[in-house]
Amino acid sequence: MATSTLDTIDILTPDLYVERGYPHEEWTLLRREAPVFWYERENCAPFWAITRHADIITVSRQPELFRATQRLFATIDEPGVPPPEEALLRQLLNMNPPEHGAYRAVVSRRFTPAAVHRLAGHVQEIARQLIDEIADREECDFVTEVSAKLPLAVIAEMFGIPRSDWQMMFRLSNAMIGATDPEYMRGGTIMEGLQQARLEFFQYFSHLVEDRRKNPRDDLATALALGRVNSEELPAFELLSYFALLIIAGNETTRNATTGGLFALINNPEQWELLKRDPSLVRSAAEEIIRWTSPVIQFIRAATADTELHGRKIREGDVLALFYPSANRDEDVFDHPFKFDVRRTPNYHLAFGIGEHFCLGANLARLELQMIFREIAARLDQVELAGPIARMRSSFVGGIKHMPIRYKMRARSAA
């Protein structure tokens, strides 16, 4: 896309994300020539595209000036897309201080480094079992058979959701996060599909809340069911939205990072060899995978007053879209930003966001990535693509839906 100009640039059409992945050429052009760019096209509501690392930090650290809104991300106009005022869920991502902090505190202690560390042995065993399940074969779809299963199993067990319901959680998560993708659409319009998925989520979680209030356990579902904000139970809509957020965010983004991480290692065999020879690199490798894949493409904020950013006049009510994958390739922050480097340190990526909206599950995501890639590095002798990959149709969350691989795997005892 060397012919792109500021007049013709397209960073929002989901079909382009399917065809060629993230628009890094366009984001590079914006960082260089218009880091705060008024993006106005016929097929979408206009917004400021924020593409530099420093500017995203500036916006994210001023929640009173740049507020979260009911709409999470910028979209093109498509039939059935929910209007901006339609609140499908009301959860942390839509909230602002002080409400955001009060709701976050309901479960935040279950995602601290110490709490997540206690899960390490169990997460490691899940990772090993998943690799065991494909070890005696030569081909598989890595997404559906490995990368989707690990984070879903972990978050479902944290909630106390029985294994028989995990596939339903997977299906409904896809329907919510990938509502514009034909594979995940459930008939009718995008809005109708979203509403149906929400209804099924809410019905399921309503029963779970009722059970935990009668029979409390030491799990995440109980923590939410018995949670208090300002000494009161969470209102039903906010409570059920909280369940949906944690299930969706707890499996979608880590799944996409895991898949994208293996894809990067396949395409950078010298980095794959480094990781296999030195397992101690798994921590820095996980951070580089998170930077490289940046599963969340964008969130939006709205200006609450006239202000200025990078020399551009921002008006009260203007919408800003923060493009995290662009920030994670910023030449002013990262040496050789387009090089995948498992030894990269320090790694100041913004894939988890920054400020009060920093990802609640960041510690868990890091643990899951470290465990699965530690296991893969120990047991996967050879790996290559066995067919074309299929990317999700979305300009909000980026990921690979299907990735067939051909491989040679050693048994657990040999590793």
Protein backbone atom coordinates (compact mmCIF):
# COMPACT_ATOMS: atom_id res chain seq x y z
CA MET A 1 0.00 0.00 0.00
CA ALA A 2 2.83 2.39 -0.82
CA THR A 3 0.34 4.49 -2.84
CA SER A 4 -1.76 5.40 0.21
CA THR A 5 -2.20 9.09 0.91
CA LEU A 6 -3.89 10.95 3.74
CA ASP A 7 -6.83 11.59 1.41
CA THR A 8 -7.34 7.93 0.46
CA ILE A 9 -6.14 6.08 3.54
CA ASP A 10 -8.52 3.45 4.96
CA ILE A 11 -7.96 2.16 8.50
CA LEU A 12 -11.51 1.09 9.35
CA THR A 13 -13.02 -1.18 6.70
CA PRO A 14 -13.20 -4.69 8.24
CA ASP A 15 -12.82 -6.42 4.87
CA LEU A 16 -9.32 -4.96 4.55
CA TYR A 17 -8.37 -6.52 7.88
CA VAL A 18 -9.52 -9.88 6.52
CA GLU A 19 -7.58 -9.51 3.28
CA ARG A 20 -4.22 -8.32 4.57
CA GLY A 21 -4.24 -7.98 8.34
CA TYR A 22 -3.47 -4.78 10.19
CA PRO A 23 -2.94 -1.62 8.07
CA HIS A 24 0.58 -0.99 9.33
CA GLU A 25 1.61 0.93 6.20
CA GLU A 26 -1.25 3.36 6.73
CA TRP A 27 -0.58 3.73 10.44
CA THR A 28 3.11 4.39 9.69
CA LEU A 29 2.07 7.15 7.28
CA LEU A 30 -0.16 8.66 9.94
CA ARG A 31 2.52 8.52 12.65
CA ARG A 32 4.92 10.26 10.31
CA GLU A 33 2.68 12.90 8.73
CA ALA A 34 -0.51 13.25 10.80
CA PRO A 35 -0.35 11.56 14.21
CA VAL A 36 -3.58 13.31 15.24
CA PHE A 37 -5.62 12.96 12.06
CA TRP A 38 -9.22 13.97 11.42
CA TYR A 39 -10.57 10.84 9.77
CA GLU A 40 -13.67 11.79 7.78
CA ARG A 41 -15.14 9.35 5.27
CA GLU A 42 -18.57 8.83 3.73
CA ASN A 43 -19.06 5.47 5.42
CA CYS A 44 -18.39 6.39 9.07
CA ALA A 45 -18.85 9.06 11.70
CA PRO A 46 -15.71 11.26 11.76
CA PHE A 47 -13.10 10.92 14.51
CA TRP A 48 -9.52 11.80 15.39
CA ALA A 49 -7.18 8.89 14.67
CA ILE A 50 -4.47 8.79 17.37
CA THR A 51 -1.55 6.64 16.26
CA ARG A 52 1.56 7.60 18.27
CA HIS A 53 2.59 5.96 21.53
CA ALA A 54 3.05 9.22 23.45
CA ASP A 55 -0.29 10.68 22.36
CA ILE A 56 -2.21 7.56 23.37
CA ILE A 57 -0.58 7.80 26.81
CA THR A 58 -1.53 11.48 27.05
CA VAL A 59 -5.17 10.77 26.23
CA SER A 60 -5.40 7.66 28.42
CA ARG A 61 -4.03 9.39 31.50
CA GLN A 62 -6.62 12.20 31.42
CA PRO A 63 -9.95 10.41 31.99
CA GLU A 64 -11.71 13.62 33.01
CA LEU A 65 -10.83 15.26 29.70
CA PHE A 66 -11.12 12.20 27.48
CA ARG A 67 -14.04 10.05 28.61
CA ALA A 68 -15.03 6.49 27.79
CA THR A 69 -18.37 6.31 25.98
CA GLN A 70 -21.14 3.79 25.40
CA ARG A 71 -19.66 3.05 21.98
CA LEU A 72 -16.34 1.23 22.40
CA PHE A 73 -14.79 1.65 18.96
CA ALA A 74 -15.11 3.44 15.63
CA THR A 75 -16.92 1.53 12.90
CA ILE A 76 -18.00 1.92 9.32
CA ASP A 77 -21.71 2.23 8.64
CA GLU A 78 -23.13 -1.23 7.94
CA PRO A 79 -26.70 -2.52 8.00
CA GLY A 80 -27.66 -3.48 11.52
CA VAL A 81 -24.70 -1.89 13.32
CA PRO A 82 -25.90 -0.65 16.74
CA PRO A 83 -26.32 3.12 17.08
CA PRO A 84 -23.81 4.87 19.38
CA GLU A 85 -26.37 5.32 22.14
CA GLU A 86 -27.28 1.62 22.24
CA ALA A 87 -25.73 0.08 25.38
CA LEU A 88 -25.45 -3.64 24.66
CA LEU A 89 -23.43 -4.04 27.84
CA ARG A 90 -22.58 -1.66 30.64
CA GLN A 91 -19.23 -2.65 32.07
CA LEU A 92 -15.76 -1.42 32.94
CA LEU A 93 -14.85 -0.45 29.39
CA ASN A 94 -17.76 2.02 29.26
CA MET A 95 -17.24 3.46 32.74
CA ASN A 96 -15.33 6.49 33.99
CA PRO A 97 -13.95 7.50 37.41
CA PRO A 98 -15.01 7.20 40.15
CA GLU A 99 -17.55 4.58 39.08
CA HIS A 100 -14.95 2.63 37.11
CA GLY A 101 -12.68 2.17 40.12
CA ALA A 102 -15.54 1.07 42.36
CA TYR A 103 -16.66 -1.62 39.91
CA ARG A 104 -13.12 -2.75 39.14
CA ALA A 105 -12.45 -3.28 42.86
CA VAL A 106 -15.21 -5.93 43.01
CA VAL A 107 -12.92 -8.58 41.47
CA SER A 108 -9.51 -6.92 41.13
CA ARG A 109 -7.92 -8.93 43.96
CA ARG A 110 -8.47 -12.11 41.93
CA PHE A 111 -6.24 -10.76 39.16
CA THR A 112 -3.29 -9.48 41.21
CA PRO A 113 0.17 -10.92 40.49
CA ALA A 114 0.01 -12.99 43.69
CA ALA A 115 -3.46 -14.39 42.93
CA VAL A 116 -2.50 -15.25 39.36
CA HIS A 117 0.77 -16.83 40.48
CA ARG A 118 -1.21 -19.34 42.51
CA LEU A 119 -2.80 -20.52 39.26
CA ALA A 120 0.53 -21.16 37.54
CA GLY A 121 0.72 -24.90 38.14
CA HIS A 122 -2.85 -25.47 37.01
CA VAL A 123 -2.46 -23.32 33.87
CA GLN A 124 0.72 -25.19 33.03
CA GLU A 125 -1.09 -28.52 33.31
CA ILE A 126 -3.91 -27.32 31.04
CA ALA A 127 -1.31 -26.24 28.48
CA ARG A 128 0.39 -29.63 28.67
CA GLN A 129 -2.90 -31.48 28.24
CA LEU A 130 -3.78 -29.43 25.17
CA ILE A 131 -0.44 -30.25 23.57
CA ASP A 132 -0.89 -33.91 24.56
CA GLU A 133 -4.18 -33.96 22.64
CA ILE A 134 -2.49 -33.05 19.35
CA ALA A 135 0.88 -34.71 19.97
CA ASP A 136 0.17 -37.97 18.10
CA ARG A 137 -0.99 -36.18 14.94
CA GLU A 138 0.76 -34.24 12.21
CA GLU A 139 -1.82 -31.55 11.40
CA CYS A 140 -4.42 -29.51 13.28
CA ASP A 141 -6.21 -26.16 13.31
CA PHE A 142 -4.11 -24.47 15.98
CA VAL A 143 -6.85 -21.96 16.80
CA THR A 144 -9.75 -24.28 17.50
CA GLU A 145 -7.65 -27.07 19.04
CA VAL A 146 -5.11 -25.17 21.12
CA SER A 147 -5.12 -21.38 21.35
CA ALA A 148 -8.89 -21.03 21.85
CA LYS A 149 -9.07 -23.77 24.45
CA LEU A 150 -6.45 -22.60 26.96
CA PRO A 151 -7.81 -19.17 27.98
CA LEU A 152 -11.40 -20.39 27.77
CA ALA A 153 -10.64 -23.29 30.11
CA VAL A 154 -8.84 -21.02 32.57
CA ILE A 155 -11.50 -18.30 32.77
CA ALA A 156 -14.37 -20.81 32.80
CA GLU A 157 -12.80 -22.67 35.70
CA MET A 158 -12.25 -19.40 37.55
CA PHE A 159 -15.99 -18.79 37.22
CA GLY A 160 -16.87 -22.35 38.18
CA ILE A 161 -18.61 -22.94 34.83
CA PRO A 162 -18.93 -26.69 34.09
CA ARG A 163 -16.98 -28.08 31.15
CA SER A 164 -20.22 -29.02 29.37
CA ASP A 165 -20.96 -25.29 28.96
CA TRP A 166 -17.54 -24.17 27.72
CA GLN A 167 -18.40 -24.56 24.04
CA MET A 168 -21.45 -22.37 24.54
CA MET A 169 -19.24 -19.71 26.14
CA PHE A 170 -16.93 -19.93 23.12
CA ARG A 171 -19.83 -19.59 20.67
CA LEU A 172 -21.43 -16.64 22.45
CA SER A 173 -18.10 -14.84 22.89
CA ASN A 174 -17.50 -15.13 19.15
CA ALA A 175 -21.00 -13.86 18.42
CA MET A 176 -20.43 -10.77 20.59
CA ILE A 177 -16.87 -9.87 19.64
CA GLY A 178 -17.07 -10.98 16.00
CA ALA A 179 -20.58 -9.78 15.22
CA THR A 180 -19.53 -8.38 11.83
CA ASP A 181 -17.83 -11.63 10.78
CA PRO A 182 -20.01 -13.87 8.56
CA GLU A 183 -18.75 -17.02 10.32
CA TYR A 184 -19.93 -15.78 13.69
CA MET A 185 -23.11 -13.92 12.65
CA ARG A 186 -26.20 -15.75 13.79
CA GLY A 187 -28.69 -14.72 11.11
CA GLY A 188 -30.52 -11.44 10.68
CA THR A 189 -28.73 -8.14 11.17
CA ILE A 190 -25.58 -7.51 13.18
CA MET A 191 -27.69 -5.88 15.88
CA GLU A 192 -30.08 -8.83 16.03
CA GLY A 193 -27.17 -11.24 16.39
CA LEU A 194 -25.67 -9.18 19.19
CA GLN A 195 -28.97 -8.95 21.03
CA GLN A 196 -29.55 -12.69 20.77
CA ALA A 197 -26.05 -13.49 22.07
CA ARG A 198 -26.52 -11.02 24.93
CA LEU A 199 -29.87 -12.59 25.80
CA GLU A 200 -28.33 -16.07 26.00
CA PHE A 201 -25.40 -14.80 28.05
CA PHE A 202 -27.70 -12.97 30.47
CA GLN A 203 -30.05 -15.93 30.89
CA TYR A 204 -27.14 -18.23 31.68
CA PHE A 205 -25.46 -15.83 34.08
CA SER A 206 -28.75 -15.01 35.83
CA HIS A 207 -29.03 -18.66 36.83
CA LEU A 208 -25.38 -18.68 37.88
CA VAL A 209 -25.88 -15.61 40.08
CA GLU A 210 -28.95 -17.14 41.68
CA ASP A 211 -27.05 -20.33 42.45
CA ARG A 212 -24.00 -18.58 43.91
CA ARG A 213 -26.09 -16.36 46.16
CA LYS A 214 -27.67 -19.51 47.59
CA ASN A 215 -24.56 -21.67 47.47
CA PRO A 216 -21.46 -19.43 47.53
CA ARG A 217 -18.11 -20.87 46.46
CA ASP A 218 -14.57 -19.62 46.24
CA ASP A 219 -14.86 -18.59 42.61
CA LEU A 220 -15.19 -15.55 40.38
CA ALA A 221 -18.93 -16.05 39.89
CA THR A 222 -19.48 -15.82 43.65
CA ALA A 223 -17.28 -12.73 43.92
CA LEU A 224 -19.47 -10.99 41.36
CA ALA A 225 -22.79 -12.33 42.66
CA LEU A 226 -22.00 -11.13 46.18
CA GLY A 227 -20.08 -8.03 45.10
CA ARG A 228 -20.92 -4.58 46.38
CA VAL A 229 -20.51 -1.09 44.95
CA ASN A 230 -21.16 1.70 47.43
CA SER A 231 -22.43 -0.94 49.87
CA GLU A 232 -25.13 -2.11 47.45
CA GLU A 233 -25.49 -5.14 45.19
CA LEU A 234 -24.53 -4.55 41.59
CA PRO A 235 -27.60 -3.64 39.50
CA ALA A 236 -28.71 -6.56 37.33
CA PHE A 237 -27.70 -5.07 33.97
CA GLU A 238 -24.26 -4.06 35.20
CA LEU A 239 -23.76 -7.38 37.00
CA LEU A 240 -24.63 -9.52 33.99
CA SER A 241 -22.56 -7.25 31.74
CA TYR A 242 -19.60 -7.81 34.08
CA PHE A 243 -19.93 -11.58 33.62
CA ALA A 244 -20.04 -11.18 29.84
CA LEU A 245 -17.05 -8.84 29.78
CA LEU A 246 -14.82 -11.18 31.78
CA ILE A 247 -15.78 -14.24 29.74
CA ILE A 248 -15.29 -12.47 26.40
CA ALA A 249 -12.12 -10.59 27.31
CA GLY A 250 -10.82 -13.59 29.24
CA ASN A 251 -10.65 -15.79 26.17
CA GLU A 252 -10.80 -13.77 22.95
CA THR A 253 -7.70 -11.59 23.25
CA THR A 254 -5.36 -14.23 24.68
CA ARG A 255 -6.54 -16.68 22.02
CA ASN A 256 -5.61 -14.19 19.31
CA ALA A 257 -2.25 -13.40 20.88
CA THR A 258 -1.40 -17.10 21.14
CA THR A 259 -2.30 -17.76 17.50
CA GLY A 260 -0.54 -14.64 16.30
CA GLY A 261 2.49 -15.54 18.40
CA LEU A 262 2.93 -18.93 16.75
CA PHE A 263 2.31 -17.36 13.34
CA ALA A 264 5.11 -14.86 14.07
CA LEU A 265 7.46 -17.67 15.17
CA ILE A 266 6.70 -19.64 11.99
CA ASN A 267 7.52 -16.56 9.92
CA ASN A 268 10.66 -15.80 11.95
CA PRO A 269 12.38 -19.19 12.31
CA GLU A 270 15.53 -17.70 13.78
CA GLN A 271 13.44 -16.38 16.70
CA TRP A 272 11.81 -19.78 17.05
CA GLU A 273 15.25 -21.39 17.35
CA LEU A 274 16.29 -18.83 19.97
CA LEU A 275 13.25 -19.64 22.11
CA LYS A 276 13.70 -23.40 21.76
CA ARG A 277 17.37 -23.20 22.74
CA ASP A 278 16.77 -20.88 25.68
CA PRO A 279 13.42 -21.40 27.50
CA SER A 280 14.28 -18.56 29.88
CA LEU A 281 13.33 -16.21 27.03
CA VAL A 282 9.67 -17.15 27.41
CA ARG A 283 8.90 -14.05 29.51
CA SER A 284 10.34 -11.57 27.04
CA ALA A 285 8.92 -13.64 24.17
CA ALA A 286 5.43 -13.38 25.66
CA GLU A 287 5.74 -9.59 25.93
CA GLU A 288 6.95 -9.40 22.33
CA ILE A 289 4.07 -11.56 21.18
CA ILE A 290 1.65 -9.22 22.96
CA ARG A 291 3.30 -6.18 21.34
CA TRP A 292 3.46 -7.81 17.92
CA THR A 293 -0.14 -9.04 17.84
CA SER A 294 -1.86 -6.22 19.79
CA PRO A 295 -5.23 -8.02 19.73
CA VAL A 296 -7.29 -4.97 20.70
CA ILE A 297 -7.06 -2.62 17.74
CA GLN A 298 -8.78 0.47 19.12
CA PHE A 299 -10.91 2.06 21.79
CA ILE A 300 -12.54 5.45 21.54
CA ARG A 301 -12.73 8.41 23.90
CA ALA A 302 -14.75 11.62 23.72
CA ALA A 303 -13.37 15.05 24.60
CA THR A 304 -15.25 16.77 27.41
CA ALA A 305 -13.84 20.23 26.61
CA ASP A 306 -11.96 22.08 23.91
CA THR A 307 -8.30 21.17 24.06
CA GLU A 308 -5.21 20.66 21.94
CA LEU A 309 -3.26 17.52 21.13
CA HIS A 310 -0.08 17.44 19.10
CA GLY A 311 -0.88 20.91 17.77
CA ARG A 312 -4.41 20.01 16.61
CA LYS A 313 -7.52 21.67 18.01
CA ILE A 314 -9.83 19.11 19.60
CA ARG A 315 -13.39 20.32 20.17
CA GLU A 316 -15.70 19.35 23.02
CA GLY A 317 -17.61 16.24 21.93
CA ASP A 318 -15.05 15.15 19.35
CA VAL A 319 -14.36 11.42 19.27
CA LEU A 320 -10.80 10.07 19.36
CA ALA A 321 -9.87 6.52 18.33
CA LEU A 322 -6.72 5.17 19.97
CA PHE A 323 -4.95 2.67 17.68
CA TYR A 324 -2.83 0.45 19.92
CA PRO A 325 -1.10 -1.67 17.23
CA SER A 326 0.19 1.55 15.69
CA ALA A 327 1.56 2.73 19.05
CA ASN A 328 3.29 -0.63 19.38
CA ARG A 329 5.20 -0.02 16.14
CA ASP A 330 6.14 3.56 17.03
CA GLU A 331 9.66 4.29 15.78
CA ASP A 332 10.20 6.83 18.57
CA VAL A 333 9.75 4.14 21.24
CA PHE A 334 10.90 0.80 19.77
CA ASP A 335 14.20 -0.01 18.10
CA HIS A 336 13.46 -1.81 14.85
CA PRO A 337 9.70 -1.85 15.57
CA PHE A 338 8.93 -4.10 12.60
CA LYS A 339 11.33 -6.79 13.79
CA PHE A 340 9.86 -9.60 15.85
CA ASP A 341 12.42 -10.07 18.62
CA VAL A 342 11.85 -12.55 21.47
CA ARG A 343 14.74 -10.94 23.37
CA ARG A 344 13.30 -7.42 23.21
CA THR A 345 13.71 -5.68 26.54
CA PRO A 346 12.54 -3.29 27.77
CA ASN A 347 9.24 -3.57 25.94
CA TYR A 348 7.00 -0.58 26.54
CA HIS A 349 4.02 -1.82 24.55
CA LEU A 350 0.51 -0.51 25.12
CA ALA A 351 -1.37 -3.67 24.14
CA PHE A 352 -2.98 -3.78 27.59
CA GLY A 353 -3.77 -0.08 27.51
CA ILE A 354 -2.58 2.38 30.14
CA GLY A 355 -4.16 4.41 32.93
CA GLU A 356 -7.24 3.35 34.90
CA HIS A 357 -8.45 1.20 31.98
CA PHE A 358 -5.29 -0.92 31.98
CA CYS A 359 -6.40 -4.49 31.27
CA LEU A 360 -7.74 -6.15 34.43
CA GLY A 361 -6.60 -9.57 33.22
CA ALA A 362 -3.11 -8.60 32.05
CA ASN A 363 -1.34 -10.76 34.64
CA LEU A 364 -3.46 -13.77 33.69
CA ALA A 365 -2.90 -13.26 29.97
CA ARG A 366 0.86 -13.08 30.51
CA LEU A 367 0.82 -16.29 32.54
CA GLU A 368 -1.22 -18.15 29.91
CA LEU A 369 1.08 -17.05 27.10
CA GLN A 370 4.20 -17.99 29.04
CA MET A 371 2.85 -21.44 29.88
CA ILE A 372 1.64 -22.36 26.40
CA PHE A 373 4.81 -21.15 24.68
CA ARG A 374 7.02 -22.82 27.27
CA GLU A 375 5.27 -26.08 26.43
CA ILE A 376 5.36 -25.48 22.69
CA ALA A 377 9.06 -24.61 22.74
CA ALA A 378 9.85 -27.79 24.67
CA ARG A 379 7.87 -30.18 22.49
CA LEU A 380 7.38 -28.77 19.01
CA ASP A 381 10.31 -29.85 16.85
CA GLN A 382 9.01 -28.63 13.51
CA VAL A 383 6.04 -26.51 12.46
CA GLU A 384 4.75 -24.89 9.27
CA LEU A 385 1.48 -23.68 7.86
CA ALA A 386 -0.61 -26.43 6.30
CA GLY A 387 -2.94 -24.05 4.49
CA PRO A 388 -4.08 -20.43 4.35
CA ILE A 389 -4.99 -18.58 7.54
CA ALA A 390 -8.41 -16.95 8.00
CA ARG A 391 -8.59 -13.60 9.77
CA MET A 392 -11.53 -12.20 11.72
CA ARG A 393 -13.61 -9.53 9.99
CA SER A 394 -13.23 -6.75 12.53
CA SER A 395 -11.54 -3.39 12.98
CA PHE A 396 -11.97 -3.66 16.76
CA VAL A 397 -10.35 -6.96 17.75
CA GLY A 398 -7.83 -8.49 15.41
CA GLY A 399 -7.13 -12.16 15.20
CA ILE A 400 -6.78 -15.31 13.16
CA LYS A 401 -9.89 -17.52 13.24
CA HIS A 402 -8.28 -20.56 11.65
CA MET A 403 -4.63 -21.53 11.24
CA PRO A 404 -3.94 -25.04 9.92
CA ILE A 405 -0.45 -26.22 10.86
CA ARG A 406 1.71 -29.23 10.03
CA TYR A 407 4.15 -30.26 12.74
CA LYS A 408 6.26 -32.84 14.50
CA MET A 409 5.67 -33.06 18.24
CA ARG A 410 7.58 -35.01 20.85
CA ALA A 411 5.81 -36.79 23.69
CA ARG A 412 5.61 -35.17 27.12
CA SER A 413 8.06 -37.69 28.59
CA ALA A 414 10.61 -36.91 25.88
CA ALA A 415 10.30 -33.16 26.56
